[in-house]
Amino acid sequence: MIQDIETIDEFLAHRIAAVEEAVRTAAATEIMPRFRQLAAHEIDEKTGPHDLVTDADRKAEEFLTEALVKLLPGSVVVGEEAVHANPATYEAIKGEAPVWIVDPVDGTRQFVHGDPGFCTLVALAHRGVLLASWTYAPARDQLAVAVRGKGALLDGEPFRAGSPAPGRDLEVATSHPDYTTDDQKRALLGLWTEGVSPRACGSAGLEYLAVARGELDAVAFSWEAAWDHAAGLLLVEEAGGAHLTLAGEPFRITGGNTLPFTAARDAATARRVLGLLSGGA
């Protein structure tokens, strides 16, 4: 079993390409052949009509679970579909073993409707610290990789988030109304103000990528599921951005966060959005 961070860092120094290959292969074999080809029996509801799962989600997660544990013996996987089947497996995020956090198809609703705005998210964490992440949009063939302390790459090229242009409305993607409770909607109301242009989010992973690339100023989300946030949060950090919860603290993948929270292109923007969220909460 991997025992310490140094050993994991050594793994990351030599096996990034192998993880990338696993992510690309999962998409090529289990996701893309089903894109715009899904039959009705390959789509199911989980908690309701807006919470969908497909055979692509299940098969890609199974593929990645086997491949990632093989690459890093002693590691464990916390995947969205496995947690849905057995919620207790989520607790592994708080454990001592290195943990892969996997969302096989982030943006399942888009995937089901034939929209290319979906991605595969993989993050590696240890003792609550995010160490590396992979955000792969297979329909666009875009891969963003972040390693803690090493920066962010998109298709092999480094990039930075930069800062919003002075005087321009902040563009902020927020939790989609279909997925929010009345209390969560009220907490996000602070963003509906002069100087801010809020909109409902699509795939969380792709919204984080947009923030990291400086195409979107911030996100404001009201839920904690680590598979939606882990990869993107590290990507934003390594591109020069910041994230804060309503308590003024960075988001913790181990949970217990005061919601909602924001991730933004820079620390000043994160603080500005947080102030608006505090007014709405």
C-alpha atoms as a PDB file:
ATOM      1  CA  MET A   1       0.000   0.000   0.000  1.00  0.00           C
ATOM      2  CA  ILE A   2       1.150   3.571  -0.682  1.00  0.00           C
ATOM      3  CA  GLN A   3       2.152   4.982   2.687  1.00  0.00           C
ATOM      4  CA  ASP A   4       3.037   8.644   2.218  1.00  0.00           C
ATOM      5  CA  ILE A   5       2.681  11.748   0.110  1.00  0.00           C
ATOM      6  CA  GLU A   6       6.267  11.491  -1.171  1.00  0.00           C
ATOM      7  CA  THR A   7       5.537   8.119  -2.709  1.00  0.00           C
ATOM      8  CA  ILE A   8       2.396   9.474  -4.364  1.00  0.00           C
ATOM      9  CA  ASP A   9       4.375  12.429  -5.690  1.00  0.00           C
ATOM     10  CA  GLU A  10       6.825   9.982  -7.196  1.00  0.00           C
ATOM     11  CA  PHE A  11       3.908   8.171  -8.788  1.00  0.00           C
ATOM     12  CA  LEU A  12       2.635  11.438 -10.254  1.00  0.00           C
ATOM     13  CA  ALA A  13       6.061  12.324 -11.566  1.00  0.00           C
ATOM     14  CA  HIS A  14       6.182   9.142 -13.637  1.00  0.00           C
ATOM     15  CA  ARG A  15       2.602   7.987 -14.276  1.00  0.00           C
ATOM     16  CA  ILE A  16       0.620  11.056 -15.358  1.00  0.00           C
ATOM     17  CA  ALA A  17       0.582   9.761 -18.926  1.00  0.00           C
ATOM     18  CA  ALA A  18      -0.764   6.394 -17.782  1.00  0.00           C
ATOM     19  CA  VAL A  19      -3.673   8.040 -15.962  1.00  0.00           C
ATOM     20  CA  GLU A  20      -4.390  10.169 -19.023  1.00  0.00           C
ATOM     21  CA  GLU A  21      -4.435   7.029 -21.155  1.00  0.00           C
ATOM     22  CA  ALA A  22      -6.895   5.358 -18.773  1.00  0.00           C
ATOM     23  CA  VAL A  23      -9.231   8.365 -18.895  1.00  0.00           C
ATOM     24  CA  ARG A  24      -9.076   8.593 -22.676  1.00  0.00           C
ATOM     25  CA  THR A  25      -9.602   4.853 -23.083  1.00  0.00           C
ATOM     26  CA  ALA A  26     -12.622   4.834 -20.765  1.00  0.00           C
ATOM     27  CA  ALA A  27     -14.186   7.563 -22.873  1.00  0.00           C
ATOM     28  CA  ALA A  28     -13.285   5.943 -26.183  1.00  0.00           C
ATOM     29  CA  THR A  29     -14.583   2.498 -25.268  1.00  0.00           C
ATOM     30  CA  GLU A  30     -17.529   3.169 -22.936  1.00  0.00           C
ATOM     31  CA  ILE A  31     -18.760   6.728 -23.463  1.00  0.00           C
ATOM     32  CA  MET A  32     -18.344   7.936 -27.027  1.00  0.00           C
ATOM     33  CA  PRO A  33     -19.753   4.802 -28.720  1.00  0.00           C
ATOM     34  CA  ARG A  34     -22.985   5.523 -26.790  1.00  0.00           C
ATOM     35  CA  PHE A  35     -23.037   9.276 -27.484  1.00  0.00           C
ATOM     36  CA  ARG A  36     -26.162  10.052 -29.531  1.00  0.00           C
ATOM     37  CA  GLN A  37     -26.734   6.281 -29.735  1.00  0.00           C
ATOM     38  CA  LEU A  38     -28.453   5.617 -26.392  1.00  0.00           C
ATOM     39  CA  ALA A  39     -31.504   3.377 -26.349  1.00  0.00           C
ATOM     40  CA  ALA A  40     -34.289   4.022 -23.851  1.00  0.00           C
ATOM     41  CA  HIS A  41     -33.332   0.988 -21.760  1.00  0.00           C
ATOM     42  CA  GLU A  42     -29.803   2.415 -21.322  1.00  0.00           C
ATOM     43  CA  ILE A  43     -31.093   5.482 -19.419  1.00  0.00           C
ATOM     44  CA  ASP A  44     -32.413   5.386 -15.848  1.00  0.00           C
ATOM     45  CA  GLU A  45     -33.507   7.918 -13.238  1.00  0.00           C
ATOM     46  CA  LYS A  46     -31.789   7.965  -9.849  1.00  0.00           C
ATOM     47  CA  THR A  47     -33.472  10.451  -7.502  1.00  0.00           C
ATOM     48  CA  GLY A  48     -35.784  11.992 -10.095  1.00  0.00           C
ATOM     49  CA  PRO A  49     -36.261  13.038 -13.717  1.00  0.00           C
ATOM     50  CA  HIS A  50     -33.376  15.507 -13.589  1.00  0.00           C
ATOM     51  CA  ASP A  51     -30.953  13.000 -12.052  1.00  0.00           C
ATOM     52  CA  LEU A  52     -30.105  10.555 -14.820  1.00  0.00           C
ATOM     53  CA  VAL A  53     -27.657   7.688 -15.182  1.00  0.00           C
ATOM     54  CA  THR A  54     -26.785   5.767 -18.316  1.00  0.00           C
ATOM     55  CA  ASP A  55     -24.912   2.636 -19.239  1.00  0.00           C
ATOM     56  CA  ALA A  56     -22.054   4.931 -20.265  1.00  0.00           C
ATOM     57  CA  ASP A  57     -21.790   6.281 -16.695  1.00  0.00           C
ATOM     58  CA  ARG A  58     -21.782   2.805 -15.174  1.00  0.00           C
ATOM     59  CA  LYS A  59     -19.424   1.149 -17.649  1.00  0.00           C
ATOM     60  CA  ALA A  60     -16.926   4.029 -17.691  1.00  0.00           C
ATOM     61  CA  GLU A  61     -16.791   4.101 -13.891  1.00  0.00           C
ATOM     62  CA  GLU A  62     -16.228   0.348 -13.768  1.00  0.00           C
ATOM     63  CA  PHE A  63     -13.411   0.672 -16.310  1.00  0.00           C
ATOM     64  CA  LEU A  64     -11.746   3.538 -14.429  1.00  0.00           C
ATOM     65  CA  THR A  65     -12.104   1.855 -11.047  1.00  0.00           C
ATOM     66  CA  GLU A  66     -10.201  -1.178 -12.255  1.00  0.00           C
ATOM     67  CA  ALA A  67      -7.594   0.789 -14.217  1.00  0.00           C
ATOM     68  CA  LEU A  68      -6.799   3.417 -11.573  1.00  0.00           C
ATOM     69  CA  VAL A  69      -6.418   0.981  -8.674  1.00  0.00           C
ATOM     70  CA  LYS A  70      -4.146  -1.123 -10.868  1.00  0.00           C
ATOM     71  CA  LEU A  71      -2.000   1.926 -11.602  1.00  0.00           C
ATOM     72  CA  LEU A  72      -1.729   2.858  -7.911  1.00  0.00           C
ATOM     73  CA  PRO A  73      -1.920  -0.270  -5.739  1.00  0.00           C
ATOM     74  CA  GLY A  74      -3.422   0.407  -2.333  1.00  0.00           C
ATOM     75  CA  SER A  75      -5.558   3.252  -3.592  1.00  0.00           C
ATOM     76  CA  VAL A  76      -9.355   3.279  -3.508  1.00  0.00           C
ATOM     77  CA  VAL A  77     -12.014   4.793  -5.743  1.00  0.00           C
ATOM     78  CA  VAL A  78     -14.961   6.964  -4.771  1.00  0.00           C
ATOM     79  CA  GLY A  79     -17.172   7.072  -7.859  1.00  0.00           C
ATOM     80  CA  GLU A  80     -20.541   8.731  -8.256  1.00  0.00           C
ATOM     81  CA  GLU A  81     -22.353   5.584  -9.341  1.00  0.00           C
ATOM     82  CA  ALA A  82     -20.748   3.335  -6.713  1.00  0.00           C
ATOM     83  CA  VAL A  83     -21.710   5.816  -3.983  1.00  0.00           C
ATOM     84  CA  HIS A  84     -25.272   5.914  -5.298  1.00  0.00           C
ATOM     85  CA  ALA A  85     -25.377   2.131  -4.923  1.00  0.00           C
ATOM     86  CA  ASN A  86     -23.675   2.165  -1.496  1.00  0.00           C
ATOM     87  CA  PRO A  87     -23.447   5.611   0.174  1.00  0.00           C
ATOM     88  CA  ALA A  88     -21.022   4.303   2.819  1.00  0.00           C
ATOM     89  CA  THR A  89     -18.239   4.107   0.231  1.00  0.00           C
ATOM     90  CA  TYR A  90     -18.092   7.932   0.204  1.00  0.00           C
ATOM     91  CA  GLU A  91     -16.334   7.812   3.584  1.00  0.00           C
ATOM     92  CA  ALA A  92     -13.147   6.623   1.876  1.00  0.00           C
ATOM     93  CA  ILE A  93     -12.440  10.287   1.038  1.00  0.00           C
ATOM     94  CA  LYS A  94     -11.668  10.765   4.744  1.00  0.00           C
ATOM     95  CA  GLY A  95      -9.506   7.628   5.010  1.00  0.00           C
ATOM     96  CA  GLU A  96      -5.774   7.030   4.977  1.00  0.00           C
ATOM     97  CA  ALA A  97      -5.542   5.432   1.542  1.00  0.00           C
ATOM     98  CA  PRO A  98      -4.991   7.534  -1.580  1.00  0.00           C
ATOM     99  CA  VAL A  99      -8.380   8.054  -3.184  1.00  0.00           C
ATOM    100  CA  TRP A 100      -9.433   8.506  -6.781  1.00  0.00           C
ATOM    101  CA  ILE A 101     -12.565  10.655  -7.028  1.00  0.00           C
ATOM    102  CA  VAL A 102     -14.419   9.835 -10.240  1.00  0.00           C
ATOM    103  CA  ASP A 103     -17.368  11.261 -12.120  1.00  0.00           C
ATOM    104  CA  PRO A 104     -17.495   9.137 -15.272  1.00  0.00           C
ATOM    105  CA  VAL A 105     -19.919  11.415 -17.154  1.00  0.00           C
ATOM    106  CA  ASP A 106     -20.288  14.851 -15.626  1.00  0.00           C
ATOM    107  CA  GLY A 107     -23.211  16.441 -17.425  1.00  0.00           C
ATOM    108  CA  THR A 108     -25.240  13.279 -17.939  1.00  0.00           C
ATOM    109  CA  ARG A 109     -28.298  15.293 -18.926  1.00  0.00           C
ATOM    110  CA  GLN A 110     -26.321  16.938 -21.730  1.00  0.00           C
ATOM    111  CA  PHE A 111     -24.944  13.556 -22.763  1.00  0.00           C
ATOM    112  CA  VAL A 112     -28.425  12.055 -22.921  1.00  0.00           C
ATOM    113  CA  HIS A 113     -29.657  14.927 -25.106  1.00  0.00           C
ATOM    114  CA  GLY A 114     -26.757  14.646 -27.537  1.00  0.00           C
ATOM    115  CA  ASP A 115     -25.101  17.859 -26.331  1.00  0.00           C
ATOM    116  CA  PRO A 116     -21.261  17.705 -26.353  1.00  0.00           C
ATOM    117  CA  GLY A 117     -21.082  19.671 -23.077  1.00  0.00           C
ATOM    118  CA  PHE A 118     -20.090  16.760 -20.819  1.00  0.00           C
ATOM    119  CA  CYS A 119     -16.801  15.485 -19.453  1.00  0.00           C
ATOM    120  CA  THR A 120     -15.060  12.788 -17.440  1.00  0.00           C
ATOM    121  CA  LEU A 121     -13.600  13.946 -14.126  1.00  0.00           C
ATOM    122  CA  VAL A 122     -10.865  12.196 -12.167  1.00  0.00           C
ATOM    123  CA  ALA A 123      -9.001  13.564  -9.143  1.00  0.00           C
ATOM    124  CA  LEU A 124      -6.394  12.002  -6.864  1.00  0.00           C
ATOM    125  CA  ALA A 125      -6.418  13.011  -3.203  1.00  0.00           C
ATOM    126  CA  HIS A 126      -4.731  11.884  -0.005  1.00  0.00           C
ATOM    127  CA  ARG A 127      -5.844  12.745   3.522  1.00  0.00           C
ATOM    128  CA  GLY A 128      -8.169  15.407   2.176  1.00  0.00           C
ATOM    129  CA  VAL A 129      -5.567  17.118  -0.013  1.00  0.00           C
ATOM    130  CA  LEU A 130      -6.131  17.272  -3.761  1.00  0.00           C
ATOM    131  CA  LEU A 131      -2.956  16.240  -5.582  1.00  0.00           C
ATOM    132  CA  ALA A 132      -3.872  15.914  -9.242  1.00  0.00           C
ATOM    133  CA  SER A 133      -6.869  16.115 -11.550  1.00  0.00           C
ATOM    134  CA  TRP A 134      -7.945  15.255 -15.071  1.00  0.00           C
ATOM    135  CA  THR A 135     -10.861  16.936 -16.870  1.00  0.00           C
ATOM    136  CA  TYR A 136     -11.546  15.325 -20.223  1.00  0.00           C
ATOM    137  CA  ALA A 137     -14.222  16.511 -22.653  1.00  0.00           C
ATOM    138  CA  PRO A 138     -14.239  13.621 -25.147  1.00  0.00           C
ATOM    139  CA  ALA A 139     -16.710  15.127 -27.620  1.00  0.00           C
ATOM    140  CA  ARG A 140     -14.350  18.103 -27.905  1.00  0.00           C
ATOM    141  CA  ASP A 141     -11.161  16.063 -27.402  1.00  0.00           C
ATOM    142  CA  GLN A 142      -9.933  18.507 -24.744  1.00  0.00           C
ATOM    143  CA  LEU A 143      -7.929  17.336 -21.737  1.00  0.00           C
ATOM    144  CA  ALA A 144      -7.015  19.595 -18.828  1.00  0.00           C
ATOM    145  CA  VAL A 145      -4.552  18.296 -16.226  1.00  0.00           C
ATOM    146  CA  ALA A 146      -3.536  19.870 -12.932  1.00  0.00           C
ATOM    147  CA  VAL A 147      -0.898  18.687 -10.463  1.00  0.00           C
ATOM    148  CA  ARG A 148      -0.560  20.469  -7.133  1.00  0.00           C
ATOM    149  CA  GLY A 149       2.274  22.954  -7.310  1.00  0.00           C
ATOM    150  CA  LYS A 150       2.927  22.228 -10.991  1.00  0.00           C
ATOM    151  CA  GLY A 151       0.287  24.400 -12.685  1.00  0.00           C
ATOM    152  CA  ALA A 152      -2.486  23.581 -15.144  1.00  0.00           C
ATOM    153  CA  LEU A 153      -2.259  22.298 -18.702  1.00  0.00           C
ATOM    154  CA  LEU A 154      -4.824  22.129 -21.484  1.00  0.00           C
ATOM    155  CA  ASP A 155      -3.853  19.692 -24.227  1.00  0.00           C
ATOM    156  CA  GLY A 156      -0.280  19.945 -22.964  1.00  0.00           C
ATOM    157  CA  GLU A 157      -0.094  23.756 -22.932  1.00  0.00           C
ATOM    158  CA  PRO A 158       0.038  25.785 -19.682  1.00  0.00           C
ATOM    159  CA  PHE A 159      -2.721  28.308 -19.031  1.00  0.00           C
ATOM    160  CA  ARG A 160      -3.796  30.827 -16.399  1.00  0.00           C
ATOM    161  CA  ALA A 161      -7.163  32.190 -15.312  1.00  0.00           C
ATOM    162  CA  GLY A 162      -6.157  35.844 -15.164  1.00  0.00           C
ATOM    163  CA  SER A 163      -8.502  38.462 -13.685  1.00  0.00           C
ATOM    164  CA  PRO A 164     -11.816  39.917 -14.851  1.00  0.00           C
ATOM    165  CA  ALA A 165     -11.668  43.143 -16.848  1.00  0.00           C
ATOM    166  CA  PRO A 166     -12.432  46.176 -14.634  1.00  0.00           C
ATOM    167  CA  GLY A 167     -15.902  47.598 -15.047  1.00  0.00           C
ATOM    168  CA  ARG A 168     -17.372  44.567 -16.781  1.00  0.00           C
ATOM    169  CA  ASP A 169     -20.200  42.528 -15.256  1.00  0.00           C
ATOM    170  CA  LEU A 170     -19.010  39.371 -13.558  1.00  0.00           C
ATOM    171  CA  GLU A 171     -20.157  36.273 -15.385  1.00  0.00           C
ATOM    172  CA  VAL A 172     -21.062  33.620 -12.809  1.00  0.00           C
ATOM    173  CA  ALA A 173     -22.450  30.119 -13.357  1.00  0.00           C
ATOM    174  CA  THR A 174     -24.664  28.965 -10.499  1.00  0.00           C
ATOM    175  CA  SER A 175     -26.329  25.773  -9.326  1.00  0.00           C
ATOM    176  CA  HIS A 176     -28.997  24.833 -11.865  1.00  0.00           C
ATOM    177  CA  PRO A 177     -32.547  25.532 -10.598  1.00  0.00           C
ATOM    178  CA  ASP A 178     -33.558  21.951 -11.366  1.00  0.00           C
ATOM    179  CA  TYR A 179     -31.102  20.747  -8.741  1.00  0.00           C
ATOM    180  CA  THR A 180     -31.625  23.296  -5.948  1.00  0.00           C
ATOM    181  CA  THR A 181     -33.954  23.462  -2.966  1.00  0.00           C
ATOM    182  CA  ASP A 182     -35.848  26.617  -2.044  1.00  0.00           C
ATOM    183  CA  ASP A 183     -33.285  27.374   0.685  1.00  0.00           C
ATOM    184  CA  GLN A 184     -30.437  27.004  -1.781  1.00  0.00           C
ATOM    185  CA  LYS A 185     -32.166  29.284  -4.268  1.00  0.00           C
ATOM    186  CA  ARG A 186     -32.508  31.929  -1.551  1.00  0.00           C
ATOM    187  CA  ALA A 187     -28.815  31.620  -0.673  1.00  0.00           C
ATOM    188  CA  LEU A 188     -27.849  32.286  -4.284  1.00  0.00           C
ATOM    189  CA  LEU A 189     -30.178  35.298  -4.686  1.00  0.00           C
ATOM    190  CA  GLY A 190     -27.395  37.694  -3.770  1.00  0.00           C
ATOM    191  CA  LEU A 191     -25.914  37.190  -7.232  1.00  0.00           C
ATOM    192  CA  TRP A 192     -28.946  38.750  -8.901  1.00  0.00           C
ATOM    193  CA  THR A 193     -27.642  42.284  -8.581  1.00  0.00           C
ATOM    194  CA  GLU A 194     -26.092  45.063 -10.605  1.00  0.00           C
ATOM    195  CA  GLY A 195     -22.625  44.230 -11.874  1.00  0.00           C
ATOM    196  CA  VAL A 196     -23.204  40.471 -11.993  1.00  0.00           C
ATOM    197  CA  SER A 197     -24.496  38.340 -14.845  1.00  0.00           C
ATOM    198  CA  PRO A 198     -25.533  34.973 -13.356  1.00  0.00           C
ATOM    199  CA  ARG A 199     -26.677  31.952 -15.346  1.00  0.00           C
ATOM    200  CA  ALA A 200     -27.512  28.317 -14.646  1.00  0.00           C
ATOM    201  CA  CYS A 201     -24.547  25.977 -14.923  1.00  0.00           C
ATOM    202  CA  GLY A 202     -24.130  23.075 -17.283  1.00  0.00           C
ATOM    203  CA  SER A 203     -21.530  20.404 -16.567  1.00  0.00           C
ATOM    204  CA  ALA A 204     -19.782  21.504 -13.355  1.00  0.00           C
ATOM    205  CA  GLY A 205     -16.470  20.170 -14.622  1.00  0.00           C
ATOM    206  CA  LEU A 206     -16.632  22.228 -17.791  1.00  0.00           C
ATOM    207  CA  GLU A 207     -17.684  25.326 -15.849  1.00  0.00           C
ATOM    208  CA  TYR A 208     -14.589  24.946 -13.651  1.00  0.00           C
ATOM    209  CA  LEU A 209     -12.498  24.599 -16.797  1.00  0.00           C
ATOM    210  CA  ALA A 210     -14.046  27.805 -18.142  1.00  0.00           C
ATOM    211  CA  VAL A 211     -13.088  29.628 -14.920  1.00  0.00           C
ATOM    212  CA  ALA A 212      -9.546  28.235 -15.072  1.00  0.00           C
ATOM    213  CA  ARG A 213      -9.225  29.419 -18.680  1.00  0.00           C
ATOM    214  CA  GLY A 214     -10.607  32.887 -17.913  1.00  0.00           C
ATOM    215  CA  GLU A 215     -13.712  32.356 -20.051  1.00  0.00           C
ATOM    216  CA  LEU A 216     -15.998  32.545 -16.988  1.00  0.00           C
ATOM    217  CA  ASP A 217     -15.367  34.690 -13.907  1.00  0.00           C
ATOM    218  CA  ALA A 218     -16.723  32.399 -11.206  1.00  0.00           C
ATOM    219  CA  VAL A 219     -19.028  29.577 -10.229  1.00  0.00           C
ATOM    220  CA  ALA A 220     -21.337  29.547  -7.205  1.00  0.00           C
ATOM    221  CA  PHE A 221     -22.543  26.131  -6.132  1.00  0.00           C
ATOM    222  CA  SER A 222     -24.731  24.848  -3.333  1.00  0.00           C
ATOM    223  CA  TRP A 223     -23.870  21.153  -3.082  1.00  0.00           C
ATOM    224  CA  GLU A 224     -20.854  19.190  -1.824  1.00  0.00           C
ATOM    225  CA  ALA A 225     -20.543  15.973  -3.889  1.00  0.00           C
ATOM    226  CA  ALA A 226     -16.776  15.664  -4.277  1.00  0.00           C
ATOM    227  CA  TRP A 227     -16.888  14.031  -7.721  1.00  0.00           C
ATOM    228  CA  ASP A 228     -18.424  17.208  -9.153  1.00  0.00           C
ATOM    229  CA  HIS A 229     -15.906  19.575  -7.587  1.00  0.00           C
ATOM    230  CA  ALA A 230     -12.579  17.910  -6.807  1.00  0.00           C
ATOM    231  CA  ALA A 231     -11.026  17.960 -10.281  1.00  0.00           C
ATOM    232  CA  GLY A 232     -12.214  21.467 -11.062  1.00  0.00           C
ATOM    233  CA  LEU A 233     -11.193  23.031  -7.778  1.00  0.00           C
ATOM    234  CA  LEU A 234      -7.589  21.925  -8.195  1.00  0.00           C
ATOM    235  CA  LEU A 235      -7.638  23.010 -11.839  1.00  0.00           C
ATOM    236  CA  VAL A 236      -8.804  26.505 -10.835  1.00  0.00           C
ATOM    237  CA  GLU A 237      -6.215  26.705  -8.036  1.00  0.00           C
ATOM    238  CA  GLU A 238      -3.359  25.699 -10.303  1.00  0.00           C
ATOM    239  CA  ALA A 239      -4.489  28.222 -12.926  1.00  0.00           C
ATOM    240  CA  GLY A 240      -4.188  30.977 -10.304  1.00  0.00           C
ATOM    241  CA  GLY A 241      -7.760  31.068  -9.036  1.00  0.00           C
ATOM    242  CA  ALA A 242      -9.265  30.624  -5.580  1.00  0.00           C
ATOM    243  CA  HIS A 243     -12.257  29.056  -3.852  1.00  0.00           C
ATOM    244  CA  LEU A 244     -14.130  30.010  -0.690  1.00  0.00           C
ATOM    245  CA  THR A 245     -17.136  28.728   1.217  1.00  0.00           C
ATOM    246  CA  LEU A 246     -19.696  30.905   2.975  1.00  0.00           C
ATOM    247  CA  ALA A 247     -17.528  30.589   6.102  1.00  0.00           C
ATOM    248  CA  GLY A 248     -14.645  32.277   4.261  1.00  0.00           C
ATOM    249  CA  GLU A 249     -12.624  29.057   4.112  1.00  0.00           C
ATOM    250  CA  PRO A 250     -11.429  27.004   1.130  1.00  0.00           C
ATOM    251  CA  PHE A 251     -13.785  24.201   0.113  1.00  0.00           C
ATOM    252  CA  ARG A 252     -12.941  20.855   1.749  1.00  0.00           C
ATOM    253  CA  ILE A 253     -13.531  17.700  -0.285  1.00  0.00           C
ATOM    254  CA  THR A 254     -13.998  15.817   3.010  1.00  0.00           C
ATOM    255  CA  GLY A 255     -17.227  17.732   3.616  1.00  0.00           C
ATOM    256  CA  GLY A 256     -18.649  19.895   6.383  1.00  0.00           C
ATOM    257  CA  ASN A 257     -18.535  23.034   4.230  1.00  0.00           C
ATOM    258  CA  THR A 258     -20.738  26.053   4.854  1.00  0.00           C
ATOM    259  CA  LEU A 259     -22.674  26.477   1.630  1.00  0.00           C
ATOM    260  CA  PRO A 260     -22.948  27.940  -0.923  1.00  0.00           C
ATOM    261  CA  PHE A 261     -19.357  28.363  -2.097  1.00  0.00           C
ATOM    262  CA  THR A 262     -17.536  29.923  -4.998  1.00  0.00           C
ATOM    263  CA  ALA A 263     -14.512  29.269  -7.184  1.00  0.00           C
ATOM    264  CA  ALA A 264     -13.225  32.228  -9.149  1.00  0.00           C
ATOM    265  CA  ARG A 265     -10.489  33.427 -11.493  1.00  0.00           C
ATOM    266  CA  ASP A 266      -8.642  35.209  -8.686  1.00  0.00           C
ATOM    267  CA  ALA A 267      -8.872  35.727  -4.925  1.00  0.00           C
ATOM    268  CA  ALA A 268     -10.399  39.205  -5.219  1.00  0.00           C
ATOM    269  CA  THR A 269     -13.228  37.888  -7.386  1.00  0.00           C
ATOM    270  CA  ALA A 270     -13.814  34.993  -4.996  1.00  0.00           C
ATOM    271  CA  ARG A 271     -14.149  37.443  -2.108  1.00  0.00           C
ATOM    272  CA  ARG A 272     -16.517  39.650  -4.111  1.00  0.00           C
ATOM    273  CA  VAL A 273     -18.776  36.738  -5.011  1.00  0.00           C
ATOM    274  CA  LEU A 274     -18.653  35.452  -1.447  1.00  0.00           C
ATOM    275  CA  GLY A 275     -19.837  38.839  -0.193  1.00  0.00           C
ATOM    276  CA  LEU A 276     -22.827  38.675  -2.519  1.00  0.00           C
ATOM    277  CA  LEU A 277     -23.622  35.135  -1.420  1.00  0.00           C
ATOM    278  CA  SER A 278     -23.428  36.198   2.221  1.00  0.00           C
ATOM    279  CA  GLY A 279     -26.032  38.867   1.487  1.00  0.00           C
ATOM    280  CA  GLY A 280     -28.335  36.327  -0.101  1.00  0.00           C
ATOM    281  CA  ALA A 281     -27.959  33.606   2.527  1.00  0.00           C
END
